[in-house]
Amino acid sequence: MTGLIVRGSNNIFYVRPDTDPCAGNEEIECRIKGKVLKGVEGYYNPLAPGDRVHIELDPLHPGKGLVTELVERKNAFTRFNQKGMAPQLLAANVDLVFCLTTPASPPFRPRFLDRVLVQAERSQIPAAIVVNKWDLHDGDYDVDERLEDYRRIGYRLLTVSAVTGAGLEELADLIKGRTVVLVGQSGVGKSSLINRLAPHAGLKVGDLCEKYERGSHTTTMSRLIELGGPSGSGRIIDTPGVRRLMPDGVQPGDLALYFREFAPLVGQCTYGLSCSHRIEPGCKVMEAVAAGVIHEDRYESYLRLKEELEELY
């Protein structure tokens, strides 16, 4: 039979069967049959929520089984796991990436957003920026100006509050009929937001560390949550909060292609495709920064990430 991976860790995966012979639509606890599953070579973890798999039930142990085959993915959202030096799967078969941030508590961090957006562009998955805790926004000019620039370059922007409920109807409408992966740093309110959209999820909500204005890691693994109920159909894949995200599959020389306002200029510089967009005369990217076509902060984000990628590769 076939089924959907909803969560997993330490090579134990929970599969929701498409046709459930067990009463109550139970999740089947599965391990991978054999030592290697075809199609997952090279990943830090072989499967992720959103993956579809073939399974065999264990006749001697009800509720348990084996994953025998991976159904070909249409896409995967990953990050580079520097500890394991391999790509780490966060979600599979995704229709939309939600980059979750906050205007305050914790502070607005556009550099993290830029990295999530680069990964979404690299994975060819549409992305939207969701600003939670909008009730805490005090009109900070820098936050408003940066958010407006993301809108200007073509990203959809939603402002919401898990506390007041503002914007949640529009957010739920965007999720309907889709599988959405939610990516954000610890403390931005992923669990609180999901609990408002899917009260049956009952996710644990952590407190923010006042000293460092960082959240605690209440989500330790990616998991798929069906919305259902008044929020309508749709699925959210919740991912663990991370303080720093390293994009996967991005070579330093190709980075500009994944900053969408840079991409049309790549190859037009005096030094063509060999331009590093740092010091070369006739660099169209630097000219665009000077002209205000590319935001200075986005350019700085590009330079920092490129330096890190050069150290990695």
C-alpha atoms as a PDB file:
ATOM      1  CA  MET A   1       0.000   0.000   0.000  1.00  0.00           C
ATOM      2  CA  THR A   2       1.002   3.629  -0.330  1.00  0.00           C
ATOM      3  CA  GLY A   3       1.010   6.317   2.312  1.00  0.00           C
ATOM      4  CA  LEU A   4       2.187   9.747   3.379  1.00  0.00           C
ATOM      5  CA  ILE A   5       5.122  10.447   5.709  1.00  0.00           C
ATOM      6  CA  VAL A   6       3.870  12.719   8.501  1.00  0.00           C
ATOM      7  CA  ARG A   7       6.925  12.747  10.784  1.00  0.00           C
ATOM      8  CA  GLY A   8      10.028  10.788  11.648  1.00  0.00           C
ATOM      9  CA  SER A   9      13.404  10.755  13.361  1.00  0.00           C
ATOM     10  CA  ASN A  10      16.250   8.320  13.941  1.00  0.00           C
ATOM     11  CA  ASN A  11      15.115   6.366  10.866  1.00  0.00           C
ATOM     12  CA  ILE A  12      11.686   5.646  12.349  1.00  0.00           C
ATOM     13  CA  PHE A  13       8.916   7.169  10.234  1.00  0.00           C
ATOM     14  CA  TYR A  14       5.186   7.486  10.768  1.00  0.00           C
ATOM     15  CA  VAL A  15       3.104   6.868   7.674  1.00  0.00           C
ATOM     16  CA  ARG A  16      -0.555   7.704   7.161  1.00  0.00           C
ATOM     17  CA  PRO A  17      -1.861   5.021   4.760  1.00  0.00           C
ATOM     18  CA  ASP A  18      -3.960   6.066   1.785  1.00  0.00           C
ATOM     19  CA  THR A  19      -6.211   3.059   2.411  1.00  0.00           C
ATOM     20  CA  ASP A  20      -6.116   2.165   6.064  1.00  0.00           C
ATOM     21  CA  PRO A  21      -6.940  -1.469   6.923  1.00  0.00           C
ATOM     22  CA  CYS A  22      -6.663  -0.505  10.592  1.00  0.00           C
ATOM     23  CA  ALA A  23      -9.577   1.227  12.260  1.00  0.00           C
ATOM     24  CA  GLY A  24      -9.276   4.907  13.044  1.00  0.00           C
ATOM     25  CA  ASN A  25      -6.900   5.959  10.247  1.00  0.00           C
ATOM     26  CA  GLU A  26      -3.917   5.198  12.458  1.00  0.00           C
ATOM     27  CA  GLU A  27      -0.353   6.097  11.600  1.00  0.00           C
ATOM     28  CA  ILE A  28       1.908   3.141  10.868  1.00  0.00           C
ATOM     29  CA  GLU A  29       5.330   3.127  12.531  1.00  0.00           C
ATOM     30  CA  CYS A  30       7.808   2.156   9.835  1.00  0.00           C
ATOM     31  CA  ARG A  31      11.472   1.503   9.328  1.00  0.00           C
ATOM     32  CA  ILE A  32      13.198   1.314   5.966  1.00  0.00           C
ATOM     33  CA  LYS A  33      13.357  -2.168   4.496  1.00  0.00           C
ATOM     34  CA  GLY A  34      16.963  -3.168   3.914  1.00  0.00           C
ATOM     35  CA  LYS A  35      19.933  -0.876   4.378  1.00  0.00           C
ATOM     36  CA  VAL A  36      19.355   1.655   1.591  1.00  0.00           C
ATOM     37  CA  LEU A  37      16.198   3.134   0.067  1.00  0.00           C
ATOM     38  CA  LYS A  38      16.584   3.894  -3.626  1.00  0.00           C
ATOM     39  CA  GLY A  39      16.392   7.599  -4.452  1.00  0.00           C
ATOM     40  CA  VAL A  40      17.507   8.985  -1.085  1.00  0.00           C
ATOM     41  CA  GLU A  41      21.264   8.531  -1.435  1.00  0.00           C
ATOM     42  CA  GLY A  42      23.392  11.403  -0.189  1.00  0.00           C
ATOM     43  CA  TYR A  43      20.856  12.984   2.160  1.00  0.00           C
ATOM     44  CA  TYR A  44      21.455  13.524   5.873  1.00  0.00           C
ATOM     45  CA  ASN A  45      17.990  12.020   6.450  1.00  0.00           C
ATOM     46  CA  PRO A  46      16.319   9.742   3.894  1.00  0.00           C
ATOM     47  CA  LEU A  47      12.679  10.857   4.179  1.00  0.00           C
ATOM     48  CA  ALA A  48      10.682  13.918   5.217  1.00  0.00           C
ATOM     49  CA  PRO A  49       7.054  14.880   5.850  1.00  0.00           C
ATOM     50  CA  GLY A  50       5.256  15.141   2.536  1.00  0.00           C
ATOM     51  CA  ASP A  51       7.059  12.164   1.018  1.00  0.00           C
ATOM     52  CA  ARG A  52       4.874   9.434  -0.429  1.00  0.00           C
ATOM     53  CA  VAL A  53       6.068   5.858   0.046  1.00  0.00           C
ATOM     54  CA  HIS A  54       5.124   2.234  -0.475  1.00  0.00           C
ATOM     55  CA  ILE A  55       4.925   0.189   2.716  1.00  0.00           C
ATOM     56  CA  GLU A  56       4.485  -3.398   3.824  1.00  0.00           C
ATOM     57  CA  LEU A  57       2.584  -4.118   7.033  1.00  0.00           C
ATOM     58  CA  ASP A  58       4.205  -6.327   9.638  1.00  0.00           C
ATOM     59  CA  PRO A  59       1.790  -9.279  10.137  1.00  0.00           C
ATOM     60  CA  LEU A  60       3.235 -10.037  13.572  1.00  0.00           C
ATOM     61  CA  HIS A  61       3.206  -6.490  14.940  1.00  0.00           C
ATOM     62  CA  PRO A  62      -0.006  -4.492  14.348  1.00  0.00           C
ATOM     63  CA  GLY A  63       0.600  -0.834  13.626  1.00  0.00           C
ATOM     64  CA  LYS A  64       4.111  -1.421  12.335  1.00  0.00           C
ATOM     65  CA  GLY A  65       5.591  -1.913   8.902  1.00  0.00           C
ATOM     66  CA  LEU A  66       8.439  -1.331   6.458  1.00  0.00           C
ATOM     67  CA  VAL A  67       9.033   1.389   3.871  1.00  0.00           C
ATOM     68  CA  THR A  68       9.877  -0.437   0.661  1.00  0.00           C
ATOM     69  CA  GLU A  69       9.953   2.305  -1.955  1.00  0.00           C
ATOM     70  CA  LEU A  70       9.886   6.095  -2.343  1.00  0.00           C
ATOM     71  CA  VAL A  71       7.378   7.565  -4.788  1.00  0.00           C
ATOM     72  CA  GLU A  72       9.248  10.063  -6.970  1.00  0.00           C
ATOM     73  CA  ARG A  73       9.183  13.561  -5.448  1.00  0.00           C
ATOM     74  CA  LYS A  74       8.029  16.601  -7.402  1.00  0.00           C
ATOM     75  CA  ASN A  75      10.359  18.720  -5.227  1.00  0.00           C
ATOM     76  CA  ALA A  76      12.045  18.913  -1.836  1.00  0.00           C
ATOM     77  CA  PHE A  77      12.804  21.791   0.508  1.00  0.00           C
ATOM     78  CA  THR A  78      16.217  21.265   2.087  1.00  0.00           C
ATOM     79  CA  ARG A  79      19.008  23.005   3.936  1.00  0.00           C
ATOM     80  CA  PHE A  80      22.694  22.158   4.143  1.00  0.00           C
ATOM     81  CA  ASN A  81      23.458  20.409   7.418  1.00  0.00           C
ATOM     82  CA  GLN A  82      26.978  21.562   8.249  1.00  0.00           C
ATOM     83  CA  LYS A  83      27.358  19.064  11.070  1.00  0.00           C
ATOM     84  CA  GLY A  84      26.661  16.127   8.771  1.00  0.00           C
ATOM     85  CA  MET A  85      28.060  17.901   5.675  1.00  0.00           C
ATOM     86  CA  ALA A  86      25.050  16.778   3.656  1.00  0.00           C
ATOM     87  CA  PRO A  87      21.693  18.138   2.476  1.00  0.00           C
ATOM     88  CA  GLN A  88      18.952  17.758   5.088  1.00  0.00           C
ATOM     89  CA  LEU A  89      15.369  17.193   3.960  1.00  0.00           C
ATOM     90  CA  LEU A  90      12.837  19.412   5.728  1.00  0.00           C
ATOM     91  CA  ALA A  91       9.774  18.784   3.553  1.00  0.00           C
ATOM     92  CA  ALA A  92       8.806  17.099   0.297  1.00  0.00           C
ATOM     93  CA  ASN A  93       6.177  17.645  -2.410  1.00  0.00           C
ATOM     94  CA  VAL A  94       5.553  21.230  -1.345  1.00  0.00           C
ATOM     95  CA  ASP A  95       3.362  23.813  -3.109  1.00  0.00           C
ATOM     96  CA  LEU A  96       4.440  26.893  -1.163  1.00  0.00           C
ATOM     97  CA  VAL A  97       7.107  28.038   1.306  1.00  0.00           C
ATOM     98  CA  PHE A  98       6.065  30.355   4.130  1.00  0.00           C
ATOM     99  CA  CYS A  99       9.040  32.357   5.410  1.00  0.00           C
ATOM    100  CA  LEU A 100       7.906  33.280   8.916  1.00  0.00           C
ATOM    101  CA  THR A 101       9.349  36.332  10.654  1.00  0.00           C
ATOM    102  CA  THR A 102       8.398  38.941  13.267  1.00  0.00           C
ATOM    103  CA  PRO A 103       8.737  42.740  13.477  1.00  0.00           C
ATOM    104  CA  ALA A 104       9.832  42.425  17.122  1.00  0.00           C
ATOM    105  CA  SER A 105      10.282  39.838  19.897  1.00  0.00           C
ATOM    106  CA  PRO A 106      12.462  38.398  18.391  1.00  0.00           C
ATOM    107  CA  PRO A 107      13.737  41.259  16.226  1.00  0.00           C
ATOM    108  CA  PHE A 108      13.132  41.381  12.492  1.00  0.00           C
ATOM    109  CA  ARG A 109      15.982  39.513  10.774  1.00  0.00           C
ATOM    110  CA  PRO A 110      15.917  39.991   6.998  1.00  0.00           C
ATOM    111  CA  ARG A 111      19.200  38.115   6.484  1.00  0.00           C
ATOM    112  CA  PHE A 112      17.517  34.907   7.599  1.00  0.00           C
ATOM    113  CA  LEU A 113      14.591  35.631   5.263  1.00  0.00           C
ATOM    114  CA  ASP A 114      17.012  36.085   2.380  1.00  0.00           C
ATOM    115  CA  ARG A 115      18.474  32.626   2.985  1.00  0.00           C
ATOM    116  CA  VAL A 116      15.065  30.964   3.060  1.00  0.00           C
ATOM    117  CA  LEU A 117      14.113  32.798  -0.136  1.00  0.00           C
ATOM    118  CA  VAL A 118      17.353  31.682  -1.821  1.00  0.00           C
ATOM    119  CA  GLN A 119      16.564  28.071  -0.910  1.00  0.00           C
ATOM    120  CA  ALA A 120      13.007  28.428  -2.205  1.00  0.00           C
ATOM    121  CA  GLU A 121      14.290  29.870  -5.494  1.00  0.00           C
ATOM    122  CA  ARG A 122      16.873  27.081  -5.746  1.00  0.00           C
ATOM    123  CA  SER A 123      14.150  24.468  -5.120  1.00  0.00           C
ATOM    124  CA  GLN A 124      11.787  26.203  -7.579  1.00  0.00           C
ATOM    125  CA  ILE A 125       9.047  26.462  -4.953  1.00  0.00           C
ATOM    126  CA  PRO A 126       6.996  29.688  -4.710  1.00  0.00           C
ATOM    127  CA  ALA A 127       7.545  31.574  -1.449  1.00  0.00           C
ATOM    128  CA  ALA A 128       5.548  34.076   0.603  1.00  0.00           C
ATOM    129  CA  ILE A 129       6.671  36.126   3.606  1.00  0.00           C
ATOM    130  CA  VAL A 130       4.455  35.853   6.682  1.00  0.00           C
ATOM    131  CA  VAL A 131       5.044  38.422   9.430  1.00  0.00           C
ATOM    132  CA  ASN A 132       3.647  37.089  12.712  1.00  0.00           C
ATOM    133  CA  LYS A 133       3.201  39.129  15.924  1.00  0.00           C
ATOM    134  CA  TRP A 134       2.075  42.110  13.852  1.00  0.00           C
ATOM    135  CA  ASP A 135       0.286  43.325  16.973  1.00  0.00           C
ATOM    136  CA  LEU A 136       3.768  44.126  18.376  1.00  0.00           C
ATOM    137  CA  HIS A 137       4.776  46.279  15.393  1.00  0.00           C
ATOM    138  CA  ASP A 138       5.395  49.823  16.557  1.00  0.00           C
ATOM    139  CA  GLY A 139       5.815  51.435  13.143  1.00  0.00           C
ATOM    140  CA  ASP A 140       9.574  50.850  12.927  1.00  0.00           C
ATOM    141  CA  TYR A 141      10.623  52.521   9.659  1.00  0.00           C
ATOM    142  CA  ASP A 142      13.430  50.056   8.944  1.00  0.00           C
ATOM    143  CA  VAL A 143      11.066  47.081   9.226  1.00  0.00           C
ATOM    144  CA  ASP A 144       8.417  48.704   7.018  1.00  0.00           C
ATOM    145  CA  GLU A 145      10.979  49.763   4.431  1.00  0.00           C
ATOM    146  CA  ARG A 146      12.535  46.301   4.149  1.00  0.00           C
ATOM    147  CA  LEU A 147       9.161  44.569   3.952  1.00  0.00           C
ATOM    148  CA  GLU A 148       8.052  46.947   1.229  1.00  0.00           C
ATOM    149  CA  ASP A 149      11.184  46.078  -0.756  1.00  0.00           C
ATOM    150  CA  TYR A 150      10.340  42.374  -0.598  1.00  0.00           C
ATOM    151  CA  ARG A 151       6.895  43.237  -1.963  1.00  0.00           C
ATOM    152  CA  ARG A 152       8.469  45.418  -4.669  1.00  0.00           C
ATOM    153  CA  ILE A 153      10.627  42.560  -5.982  1.00  0.00           C
ATOM    154  CA  GLY A 154       7.613  40.272  -6.219  1.00  0.00           C
ATOM    155  CA  TYR A 155       7.171  38.357  -2.974  1.00  0.00           C
ATOM    156  CA  ARG A 156       3.716  38.069  -1.464  1.00  0.00           C
ATOM    157  CA  LEU A 157       3.588  39.543   2.036  1.00  0.00           C
ATOM    158  CA  LEU A 158       1.057  38.742   4.768  1.00  0.00           C
ATOM    159  CA  THR A 159       0.905  40.344   8.218  1.00  0.00           C
ATOM    160  CA  VAL A 160      -0.776  38.218  10.887  1.00  0.00           C
ATOM    161  CA  SER A 161      -1.117  37.770  14.624  1.00  0.00           C
ATOM    162  CA  ALA A 162      -1.586  34.438  16.357  1.00  0.00           C
ATOM    163  CA  VAL A 163      -2.671  36.422  19.445  1.00  0.00           C
ATOM    164  CA  THR A 164      -5.373  38.661  17.949  1.00  0.00           C
ATOM    165  CA  GLY A 165      -6.254  36.481  14.952  1.00  0.00           C
ATOM    166  CA  ALA A 166      -5.614  39.318  12.507  1.00  0.00           C
ATOM    167  CA  GLY A 167      -4.800  38.100   8.992  1.00  0.00           C
ATOM    168  CA  LEU A 168      -5.429  34.435   9.759  1.00  0.00           C
ATOM    169  CA  GLU A 169      -8.394  34.154   7.399  1.00  0.00           C
ATOM    170  CA  GLU A 170      -6.295  35.324   4.449  1.00  0.00           C
ATOM    171  CA  LEU A 171      -3.512  32.964   5.525  1.00  0.00           C
ATOM    172  CA  ALA A 172      -5.895  29.991   5.744  1.00  0.00           C
ATOM    173  CA  ASP A 173      -7.287  30.804   2.297  1.00  0.00           C
ATOM    174  CA  LEU A 174      -3.781  30.711   0.864  1.00  0.00           C
ATOM    175  CA  ILE A 175      -3.156  27.276   2.403  1.00  0.00           C
ATOM    176  CA  LYS A 176      -6.388  25.683   1.144  1.00  0.00           C
ATOM    177  CA  GLY A 177      -5.709  22.829  -1.239  1.00  0.00           C
ATOM    178  CA  ARG A 178      -1.955  23.162  -0.813  1.00  0.00           C
ATOM    179  CA  THR A 179       0.914  21.635   1.118  1.00  0.00           C
ATOM    180  CA  VAL A 180       2.828  24.478   2.755  1.00  0.00           C
ATOM    181  CA  VAL A 181       6.149  24.306   4.591  1.00  0.00           C
ATOM    182  CA  LEU A 182       6.602  26.776   7.434  1.00  0.00           C
ATOM    183  CA  VAL A 183      10.191  27.940   7.978  1.00  0.00           C
ATOM    184  CA  GLY A 184      11.377  30.396  10.603  1.00  0.00           C
ATOM    185  CA  GLN A 185      13.763  31.026  13.449  1.00  0.00           C
ATOM    186  CA  SER A 186      12.986  29.914  16.990  1.00  0.00           C
ATOM    187  CA  GLY A 187      10.590  32.245  18.749  1.00  0.00           C
ATOM    188  CA  VAL A 188       8.725  33.649  15.743  1.00  0.00           C
ATOM    189  CA  GLY A 189       5.565  31.776  16.733  1.00  0.00           C
ATOM    190  CA  LYS A 190       5.282  28.859  14.319  1.00  0.00           C
ATOM    191  CA  SER A 191       3.593  26.611  16.886  1.00  0.00           C
ATOM    192  CA  SER A 192       1.218  29.360  18.085  1.00  0.00           C
ATOM    193  CA  LEU A 193       0.202  30.104  14.517  1.00  0.00           C
ATOM    194  CA  ILE A 194      -0.460  26.453  13.704  1.00  0.00           C
ATOM    195  CA  ASN A 195      -2.494  26.036  16.902  1.00  0.00           C
ATOM    196  CA  ARG A 196      -4.762  28.884  15.740  1.00  0.00           C
ATOM    197  CA  LEU A 197      -5.166  27.386  12.267  1.00  0.00           C
ATOM    198  CA  ALA A 198      -5.447  23.775  13.508  1.00  0.00           C
ATOM    199  CA  PRO A 199      -6.481  23.708  17.201  1.00  0.00           C
ATOM    200  CA  HIS A 200      -6.431  19.899  17.176  1.00  0.00           C
ATOM    201  CA  ALA A 201      -2.640  19.999  16.648  1.00  0.00           C
ATOM    202  CA  GLY A 202      -2.033  21.010  20.276  1.00  0.00           C
ATOM    203  CA  LEU A 203       1.583  21.959  19.667  1.00  0.00           C
ATOM    204  CA  LYS A 204       3.771  22.935  22.605  1.00  0.00           C
ATOM    205  CA  VAL A 205       4.532  26.654  22.699  1.00  0.00           C
ATOM    206  CA  GLY A 206       7.853  27.880  24.106  1.00  0.00           C
ATOM    207  CA  ASP A 207       8.807  31.121  25.833  1.00  0.00           C
ATOM    208  CA  LEU A 208      11.177  33.715  24.435  1.00  0.00           C
ATOM    209  CA  CYS A 209      14.509  34.174  26.217  1.00  0.00           C
ATOM    210  CA  GLU A 210      14.394  37.829  27.224  1.00  0.00           C
ATOM    211  CA  LYS A 211      18.181  38.206  27.508  1.00  0.00           C
ATOM    212  CA  TYR A 212      18.940  37.059  23.979  1.00  0.00           C
ATOM    213  CA  GLU A 213      15.482  37.575  22.414  1.00  0.00           C
ATOM    214  CA  ARG A 214      15.586  34.036  21.075  1.00  0.00           C
ATOM    215  CA  GLY A 215      13.044  31.283  21.186  1.00  0.00           C
ATOM    216  CA  SER A 216      13.434  27.816  22.598  1.00  0.00           C
ATOM    217  CA  HIS A 217      13.354  24.766  20.332  1.00  0.00           C
ATOM    218  CA  THR A 218       9.853  23.390  20.969  1.00  0.00           C
ATOM    219  CA  THR A 219       9.695  21.652  17.575  1.00  0.00           C
ATOM    220  CA  THR A 220      12.453  19.055  17.276  1.00  0.00           C
ATOM    221  CA  MET A 221      11.456  17.447  13.978  1.00  0.00           C
ATOM    222  CA  SER A 222       9.447  18.352  10.906  1.00  0.00           C
ATOM    223  CA  ARG A 223       5.851  17.182  11.034  1.00  0.00           C
ATOM    224  CA  LEU A 224       2.859  17.353   8.711  1.00  0.00           C
ATOM    225  CA  ILE A 225      -0.408  18.696  10.093  1.00  0.00           C
ATOM    226  CA  GLU A 226      -3.747  18.494   8.306  1.00  0.00           C
ATOM    227  CA  LEU A 227      -5.762  21.674   8.808  1.00  0.00           C
ATOM    228  CA  GLY A 228      -9.321  20.509   8.217  1.00  0.00           C
ATOM    229  CA  GLY A 229     -12.110  21.979  10.336  1.00  0.00           C
ATOM    230  CA  PRO A 230     -13.103  25.648   9.968  1.00  0.00           C
ATOM    231  CA  SER A 231      -9.744  26.516   8.374  1.00  0.00           C
ATOM    232  CA  GLY A 232     -10.556  24.328   5.382  1.00  0.00           C
ATOM    233  CA  SER A 233      -8.410  21.745   3.625  1.00  0.00           C
ATOM    234  CA  GLY A 234      -4.684  22.034   3.362  1.00  0.00           C
ATOM    235  CA  ARG A 235      -1.538  20.822   5.041  1.00  0.00           C
ATOM    236  CA  ILE A 236       1.215  22.583   6.946  1.00  0.00           C
ATOM    237  CA  ILE A 237       4.641  21.054   7.411  1.00  0.00           C
ATOM    238  CA  ASP A 238       6.085  22.554  10.578  1.00  0.00           C
ATOM    239  CA  THR A 239       9.895  22.615  10.716  1.00  0.00           C
ATOM    240  CA  PRO A 240      12.255  22.993  13.682  1.00  0.00           C
ATOM    241  CA  GLY A 241      13.291  26.565  14.402  1.00  0.00           C
ATOM    242  CA  VAL A 242      16.849  27.313  13.352  1.00  0.00           C
ATOM    243  CA  ARG A 243      18.997  30.329  14.153  1.00  0.00           C
ATOM    244  CA  ARG A 244      20.978  30.101  10.930  1.00  0.00           C
ATOM    245  CA  LEU A 245      20.126  28.461   7.625  1.00  0.00           C
ATOM    246  CA  MET A 246      22.728  27.483   5.049  1.00  0.00           C
ATOM    247  CA  PRO A 247      21.164  26.998   1.604  1.00  0.00           C
ATOM    248  CA  ASP A 248      21.686  23.629  -0.026  1.00  0.00           C
ATOM    249  CA  GLY A 249      22.836  23.056  -3.596  1.00  0.00           C
ATOM    250  CA  VAL A 250      23.965  26.653  -4.182  1.00  0.00           C
ATOM    251  CA  GLN A 251      27.472  27.180  -5.548  1.00  0.00           C
ATOM    252  CA  PRO A 252      29.072  30.561  -4.726  1.00  0.00           C
ATOM    253  CA  GLY A 253      29.298  31.526  -8.384  1.00  0.00           C
ATOM    254  CA  ASP A 254      25.592  30.838  -8.929  1.00  0.00           C
ATOM    255  CA  LEU A 255      24.266  32.647  -5.853  1.00  0.00           C
ATOM    256  CA  ALA A 256      23.182  35.779  -7.734  1.00  0.00           C
ATOM    257  CA  LEU A 257      20.785  33.677  -9.805  1.00  0.00           C
ATOM    258  CA  TYR A 258      18.744  32.975  -6.655  1.00  0.00           C
ATOM    259  CA  PHE A 259      18.349  36.631  -5.666  1.00  0.00           C
ATOM    260  CA  ARG A 260      15.470  37.323  -8.005  1.00  0.00           C
ATOM    261  CA  GLU A 261      16.235  41.017  -8.611  1.00  0.00           C
ATOM    262  CA  PHE A 262      19.884  40.149  -9.356  1.00  0.00           C
ATOM    263  CA  ALA A 263      19.149  37.314 -11.785  1.00  0.00           C
ATOM    264  CA  PRO A 264      18.222  39.416 -14.875  1.00  0.00           C
ATOM    265  CA  LEU A 265      21.590  41.203 -14.604  1.00  0.00           C
ATOM    266  CA  VAL A 266      23.755  38.076 -14.411  1.00  0.00           C
ATOM    267  CA  GLY A 267      25.962  37.824 -17.503  1.00  0.00           C
ATOM    268  CA  GLN A 268      25.499  41.479 -18.476  1.00  0.00           C
ATOM    269  CA  CYS A 269      28.511  42.764 -16.521  1.00  0.00           C
ATOM    270  CA  THR A 270      31.727  43.785 -18.310  1.00  0.00           C
ATOM    271  CA  TYR A 271      33.348  40.584 -17.056  1.00  0.00           C
ATOM    272  CA  GLY A 272      30.306  38.499 -17.961  1.00  0.00           C
ATOM    273  CA  LEU A 273      29.579  35.383 -15.926  1.00  0.00           C
ATOM    274  CA  SER A 274      32.986  35.599 -14.208  1.00  0.00           C
ATOM    275  CA  CYS A 275      32.000  38.821 -12.400  1.00  0.00           C
ATOM    276  CA  SER A 276      31.914  38.375  -8.631  1.00  0.00           C
ATOM    277  CA  HIS A 277      29.743  41.498  -8.209  1.00  0.00           C
ATOM    278  CA  ARG A 278      32.190  42.797  -5.606  1.00  0.00           C
ATOM    279  CA  ILE A 279      34.877  45.022  -7.119  1.00  0.00           C
ATOM    280  CA  GLU A 280      34.777  44.720 -10.915  1.00  0.00           C
ATOM    281  CA  PRO A 281      34.273  47.850 -13.042  1.00  0.00           C
ATOM    282  CA  GLY A 282      31.184  47.653 -15.199  1.00  0.00           C
ATOM    283  CA  CYS A 283      29.345  45.365 -12.765  1.00  0.00           C
ATOM    284  CA  LYS A 284      25.623  45.737 -13.472  1.00  0.00           C
ATOM    285  CA  VAL A 285      24.670  44.430 -10.027  1.00  0.00           C
ATOM    286  CA  MET A 286      26.734  47.081  -8.239  1.00  0.00           C
ATOM    287  CA  GLU A 287      25.357  49.726 -10.598  1.00  0.00           C
ATOM    288  CA  ALA A 288      21.835  48.614  -9.699  1.00  0.00           C
ATOM    289  CA  VAL A 289      22.686  48.900  -5.991  1.00  0.00           C
ATOM    290  CA  ALA A 290      24.026  52.436  -6.531  1.00  0.00           C
ATOM    291  CA  ALA A 291      20.854  53.336  -8.450  1.00  0.00           C
ATOM    292  CA  GLY A 292      18.582  51.952  -5.728  1.00  0.00           C
ATOM    293  CA  VAL A 293      17.192  49.199  -7.962  1.00  0.00           C
ATOM    294  CA  ILE A 294      18.724  46.616  -5.627  1.00  0.00           C
ATOM    295  CA  HIS A 295      18.358  47.332  -1.903  1.00  0.00           C
ATOM    296  CA  GLU A 296      21.700  47.878  -0.153  1.00  0.00           C
ATOM    297  CA  ASP A 297      20.737  45.440   2.599  1.00  0.00           C
ATOM    298  CA  ARG A 298      19.900  42.694   0.097  1.00  0.00           C
ATOM    299  CA  TYR A 299      23.271  43.283  -1.549  1.00  0.00           C
ATOM    300  CA  GLU A 300      25.023  43.049   1.822  1.00  0.00           C
ATOM    301  CA  SER A 301      23.110  39.831   2.515  1.00  0.00           C
ATOM    302  CA  TYR A 302      24.327  38.470  -0.820  1.00  0.00           C
ATOM    303  CA  LEU A 303      27.957  39.327  -0.022  1.00  0.00           C
ATOM    304  CA  ARG A 304      27.852  37.689   3.420  1.00  0.00           C
ATOM    305  CA  LEU A 305      26.220  34.522   2.155  1.00  0.00           C
ATOM    306  CA  LYS A 306      28.608  34.262  -0.789  1.00  0.00           C
ATOM    307  CA  GLU A 307      31.574  34.505   1.576  1.00  0.00           C
ATOM    308  CA  GLU A 308      30.161  31.686   3.710  1.00  0.00           C
ATOM    309  CA  LEU A 309      29.539  29.515   0.656  1.00  0.00           C
ATOM    310  CA  GLU A 310      33.100  30.091  -0.549  1.00  0.00           C
ATOM    311  CA  GLU A 311      34.409  28.889   2.811  1.00  0.00           C
ATOM    312  CA  LEU A 312      32.130  25.839   2.586  1.00  0.00           C
ATOM    313  CA  TYR A 313      33.069  24.858  -0.956  1.00  0.00           C
END
